[in-house]
């Protein structure tokens, strides 16, 4: 008997808030401190300008940097810096 491959159904955009709440609770984090749109923008920029696998790596690094910062409000600044770096990546590496 051959197993059928499982198809993964991604969350619809409106389900992200529910997932954020559940994941944040699991990790002991405050979901109100997460800017979903900005985080997804960074992931998109890196995926398009660097490489798709670099997107989760970069968002993880961004989270680490924000976690180590004295002020979590630094997220927007760091996100903008990473997106700008991604935009210049192709020119720098070719």
N, C-alpha and C. Protein backbone atom coordinates (compact mmCIF):
# COMPACT_ATOMS: atom_id res chain seq x y z
N UNK A 1 0.84 -1.16 0.00
CA UNK A 1 0.00 0.00 0.00
C UNK A 1 0.90 1.24 0.00
N UNK A 2 0.66 2.15 -0.92
CA UNK A 2 1.44 3.36 -1.04
C UNK A 2 0.79 4.48 -0.23
N UNK A 3 1.62 5.16 0.53
CA UNK A 3 1.10 6.29 1.29
C UNK A 3 0.97 7.50 0.39
N UNK A 4 -0.13 8.20 0.56
CA UNK A 4 -0.33 9.45 -0.16
C UNK A 4 0.44 10.55 0.55
N UNK A 5 1.12 11.40 -0.18
CA UNK A 5 1.81 12.51 0.48
C UNK A 5 0.80 13.44 1.14
N UNK A 6 1.15 13.91 2.32
CA UNK A 6 0.28 14.83 3.01
C UNK A 6 0.43 16.22 2.40
N UNK A 7 -0.68 16.85 2.18
CA UNK A 7 -0.62 18.22 1.68
C UNK A 7 -0.79 19.15 2.85
N UNK A 8 0.05 20.12 2.90
CA UNK A 8 0.03 21.09 3.98
C UNK A 8 -0.85 22.26 3.56
N UNK A 9 -1.83 22.57 4.37
CA UNK A 9 -2.68 23.71 4.11
C UNK A 9 -2.18 24.89 4.94
N UNK A 10 -1.65 25.92 4.30
CA UNK A 10 -1.17 27.07 5.07
C UNK A 10 -2.32 27.80 5.73
N UNK A 11 -1.98 28.50 6.80
CA UNK A 11 -2.98 29.27 7.51
C UNK A 11 -3.47 30.42 6.64
N UNK A 12 -4.76 30.69 6.65
CA UNK A 12 -5.23 31.90 5.98
C UNK A 12 -4.75 33.11 6.78
N UNK A 13 -4.61 34.26 6.13
CA UNK A 13 -4.07 35.44 6.84
C UNK A 13 -4.80 35.76 8.14
N UNK A 14 -6.11 35.60 8.17
CA UNK A 14 -6.85 35.93 9.39
C UNK A 14 -6.56 34.97 10.54
N UNK A 15 -5.99 33.82 10.25
CA UNK A 15 -5.66 32.86 11.30
C UNK A 15 -4.32 33.16 11.96
N UNK A 16 -3.55 34.07 11.39
CA UNK A 16 -2.25 34.37 11.95
C UNK A 16 -2.34 34.92 13.37
N UNK A 17 -3.35 35.74 13.64
CA UNK A 17 -3.50 36.28 14.99
C UNK A 17 -3.75 35.16 16.00
N UNK A 18 -4.57 34.18 15.62
CA UNK A 18 -4.84 33.06 16.52
C UNK A 18 -3.58 32.23 16.73
N UNK A 19 -2.84 31.99 15.65
CA UNK A 19 -1.59 31.23 15.78
C UNK A 19 -0.58 32.00 16.61
N UNK A 20 -0.47 33.29 16.38
CA UNK A 20 0.43 34.12 17.17
C UNK A 20 0.11 34.01 18.65
N UNK A 21 -1.16 34.11 19.00
CA UNK A 21 -1.56 34.02 20.40
C UNK A 21 -1.18 32.66 20.99
N UNK A 22 -1.43 31.59 20.25
CA UNK A 22 -1.14 30.25 20.74
C UNK A 22 0.36 30.02 20.87
N UNK A 23 1.13 30.39 19.85
CA UNK A 23 2.58 30.19 19.89
C UNK A 23 3.22 31.06 20.96
N UNK A 24 2.78 32.30 21.07
CA UNK A 24 3.34 33.20 22.09
C UNK A 24 3.06 32.67 23.48
N UNK A 25 1.85 32.16 23.71
CA UNK A 25 1.52 31.60 25.01
C UNK A 25 2.41 30.40 25.32
N UNK A 26 2.66 29.58 24.33
CA UNK A 26 3.51 28.40 24.51
C UNK A 26 4.94 28.80 24.89
N UNK A 27 5.39 29.93 24.34
CA UNK A 27 6.77 30.38 24.56
C UNK A 27 6.88 31.41 25.68
N UNK A 28 5.77 31.73 26.31
CA UNK A 28 5.80 32.70 27.40
C UNK A 28 6.07 34.12 26.93
N UNK A 29 5.56 34.46 25.75
CA UNK A 29 5.77 35.78 25.17
C UNK A 29 4.46 36.55 25.09
N UNK A 30 4.57 37.86 24.97
CA UNK A 30 3.41 38.73 24.83
C UNK A 30 3.12 38.92 23.35
N UNK A 31 2.00 38.41 22.84
CA UNK A 31 1.72 38.52 21.41
C UNK A 31 1.52 39.95 20.93
N UNK A 32 1.21 40.87 21.84
CA UNK A 32 1.01 42.26 21.42
C UNK A 32 2.32 42.93 21.05
N UNK A 33 3.44 42.31 21.35
CA UNK A 33 4.74 42.87 21.00
C UNK A 33 5.23 42.45 19.62
N UNK A 34 4.42 41.69 18.90
CA UNK A 34 4.81 41.18 17.60
C UNK A 34 4.08 41.94 16.50
N UNK A 35 4.84 42.52 15.60
CA UNK A 35 4.28 43.22 14.44
C UNK A 35 4.29 42.26 13.26
N UNK A 36 3.19 41.53 13.11
CA UNK A 36 3.12 40.48 12.09
C UNK A 36 3.44 41.03 10.70
N UNK A 37 2.83 42.13 10.33
CA UNK A 37 3.03 42.68 8.99
C UNK A 37 4.48 43.02 8.71
N UNK A 38 5.12 43.69 9.65
CA UNK A 38 6.53 44.06 9.46
C UNK A 38 7.42 42.83 9.39
N UNK A 39 7.14 41.85 10.22
CA UNK A 39 7.94 40.62 10.21
C UNK A 39 7.79 39.90 8.87
N UNK A 40 6.56 39.82 8.37
CA UNK A 40 6.33 39.17 7.09
C UNK A 40 6.96 39.97 5.94
N UNK A 41 6.99 41.29 6.06
CA UNK A 41 7.65 42.10 5.04
C UNK A 41 9.14 41.80 4.97
N UNK A 42 9.78 41.68 6.13
CA UNK A 42 11.20 41.34 6.17
C UNK A 42 11.42 39.97 5.53
N UNK A 43 10.59 39.00 5.90
CA UNK A 43 10.73 37.65 5.34
C UNK A 43 10.57 37.68 3.82
N UNK A 44 9.60 38.45 3.33
CA UNK A 44 9.39 38.57 1.89
C UNK A 44 10.61 39.18 1.21
N UNK A 45 11.12 40.29 1.78
CA UNK A 45 12.27 40.97 1.18
C UNK A 45 13.48 40.05 1.10
N UNK A 46 13.75 39.34 2.17
CA UNK A 46 14.90 38.44 2.19
C UNK A 46 14.69 37.27 1.23
N UNK A 47 13.49 36.70 1.22
CA UNK A 47 13.21 35.58 0.33
C UNK A 47 13.38 35.97 -1.14
N UNK A 48 12.98 37.18 -1.49
CA UNK A 48 13.06 37.62 -2.89
C UNK A 48 14.46 38.11 -3.26
N UNK A 49 15.13 38.78 -2.33
CA UNK A 49 16.40 39.41 -2.67
C UNK A 49 17.64 38.59 -2.31
N UNK A 50 17.48 37.62 -1.42
CA UNK A 50 18.62 36.79 -1.02
C UNK A 50 18.34 35.35 -1.45
N UNK A 51 17.51 34.66 -0.72
CA UNK A 51 17.11 33.29 -1.05
C UNK A 51 15.96 32.90 -0.14
N UNK A 52 15.06 32.08 -0.63
CA UNK A 52 13.91 31.68 0.19
C UNK A 52 14.31 31.09 1.53
N UNK A 53 15.29 30.18 1.59
CA UNK A 53 15.65 29.61 2.89
C UNK A 53 16.25 30.63 3.86
N UNK A 54 16.69 31.77 3.34
CA UNK A 54 17.25 32.81 4.21
C UNK A 54 16.17 33.54 5.00
N UNK A 55 14.92 33.46 4.58
CA UNK A 55 13.84 34.19 5.25
C UNK A 55 13.62 33.73 6.69
N UNK A 56 13.42 32.43 6.96
CA UNK A 56 13.22 32.05 8.36
C UNK A 56 14.49 32.26 9.19
N UNK A 57 15.64 32.05 8.60
CA UNK A 57 16.89 32.29 9.32
C UNK A 57 16.99 33.76 9.73
N UNK A 58 16.68 34.64 8.81
CA UNK A 58 16.79 36.07 9.08
C UNK A 58 15.77 36.53 10.11
N UNK A 59 14.54 36.03 10.02
CA UNK A 59 13.54 36.44 11.01
C UNK A 59 13.91 35.92 12.39
N UNK A 60 14.54 34.76 12.45
CA UNK A 60 15.04 34.25 13.73
C UNK A 60 16.12 35.17 14.28
N UNK A 61 17.07 35.56 13.43
CA UNK A 61 18.13 36.46 13.85
C UNK A 61 17.56 37.81 14.29
N UNK A 62 16.57 38.30 13.57
CA UNK A 62 15.93 39.55 13.94
C UNK A 62 15.29 39.42 15.32
N UNK A 63 14.64 38.31 15.57
CA UNK A 63 14.05 38.07 16.89
C UNK A 63 15.09 38.03 17.99
N UNK A 64 16.21 37.40 17.71
CA UNK A 64 17.29 37.36 18.70
C UNK A 64 17.81 38.76 18.98
N UNK A 65 17.99 39.56 17.94
CA UNK A 65 18.51 40.92 18.11
C UNK A 65 17.54 41.77 18.92
N UNK A 66 16.26 41.65 18.63
CA UNK A 66 15.26 42.40 19.38
C UNK A 66 15.23 41.92 20.83
N UNK A 67 15.32 40.62 21.04
CA UNK A 67 15.33 40.08 22.39
C UNK A 67 16.50 40.54 23.21
N UNK A 68 17.61 40.81 22.58
CA UNK A 68 18.81 41.26 23.29
C UNK A 68 18.87 42.77 23.45
N UNK A 69 18.00 43.48 22.75
CA UNK A 69 18.00 44.95 22.82
C UNK A 69 17.40 45.41 24.14
N UNK A 70 17.83 46.57 24.57
CA UNK A 70 17.28 47.15 25.79
C UNK A 70 15.82 47.58 25.60
N UNK A 71 15.44 47.89 24.37
CA UNK A 71 14.11 48.39 24.07
C UNK A 71 13.50 47.58 22.93
N UNK A 72 12.43 46.82 23.18
CA UNK A 72 11.82 46.03 22.11
C UNK A 72 11.30 46.89 20.96
N UNK A 73 11.13 48.20 21.19
CA UNK A 73 10.66 49.08 20.13
C UNK A 73 11.67 49.22 19.01
N UNK A 74 12.86 48.70 19.19
CA UNK A 74 13.91 48.75 18.18
C UNK A 74 13.58 47.85 16.99
N UNK A 75 12.55 47.04 17.10
CA UNK A 75 12.19 46.10 16.03
C UNK A 75 12.05 46.79 14.68
N UNK A 76 11.29 47.89 14.61
CA UNK A 76 11.04 48.55 13.33
C UNK A 76 12.35 49.01 12.69
N UNK A 77 13.25 49.55 13.50
CA UNK A 77 14.54 50.00 12.98
C UNK A 77 15.35 48.82 12.46
N UNK A 78 15.42 47.75 13.24
CA UNK A 78 16.19 46.58 12.82
C UNK A 78 15.58 45.93 11.59
N UNK A 79 14.26 45.86 11.54
CA UNK A 79 13.58 45.27 10.38
C UNK A 79 13.90 46.07 9.12
N UNK A 80 13.88 47.39 9.22
CA UNK A 80 14.20 48.23 8.06
C UNK A 80 15.65 48.03 7.62
N UNK A 81 16.55 47.90 8.58
CA UNK A 81 17.96 47.69 8.24
C UNK A 81 18.17 46.36 7.52
N UNK A 82 17.50 45.31 7.99
CA UNK A 82 17.64 44.00 7.36
C UNK A 82 17.03 44.01 5.96
N UNK A 83 15.89 44.64 5.78
CA UNK A 83 15.28 44.72 4.45
C UNK A 83 16.17 45.49 3.49
N UNK A 84 16.77 46.57 3.95
CA UNK A 84 17.68 47.34 3.10
C UNK A 84 18.90 46.51 2.74
N UNK A 85 19.41 45.76 3.68
CA UNK A 85 20.57 44.89 3.43
C UNK A 85 20.23 43.84 2.39
N UNK A 86 19.03 43.27 2.50
CA UNK A 86 18.59 42.27 1.52
C UNK A 86 18.49 42.88 0.13
N UNK A 87 17.99 44.10 0.06
CA UNK A 87 17.84 44.76 -1.25
C UNK A 87 19.19 44.98 -1.92
N UNK A 88 20.22 45.20 -1.16
CA UNK A 88 21.54 45.43 -1.75
C UNK A 88 22.34 44.14 -1.95
N UNK A 89 21.82 43.03 -1.48
CA UNK A 89 22.56 41.77 -1.48
C UNK A 89 22.97 41.31 -2.87
N UNK A 90 22.05 41.32 -3.82
CA UNK A 90 22.34 40.81 -5.17
C UNK A 90 23.48 41.59 -5.81
N UNK A 91 23.47 42.90 -5.67
CA UNK A 91 24.53 43.72 -6.27
C UNK A 91 25.88 43.44 -5.62
N UNK A 92 25.87 43.18 -4.32
CA UNK A 92 27.11 42.96 -3.61
C UNK A 92 27.71 41.57 -3.86
N UNK A 93 26.88 40.62 -4.19
CA UNK A 93 27.36 39.25 -4.33
C UNK A 93 27.53 38.81 -5.78
N UNK A 94 27.25 39.69 -6.72
CA UNK A 94 27.41 39.27 -8.12
C UNK A 94 28.69 39.78 -8.73
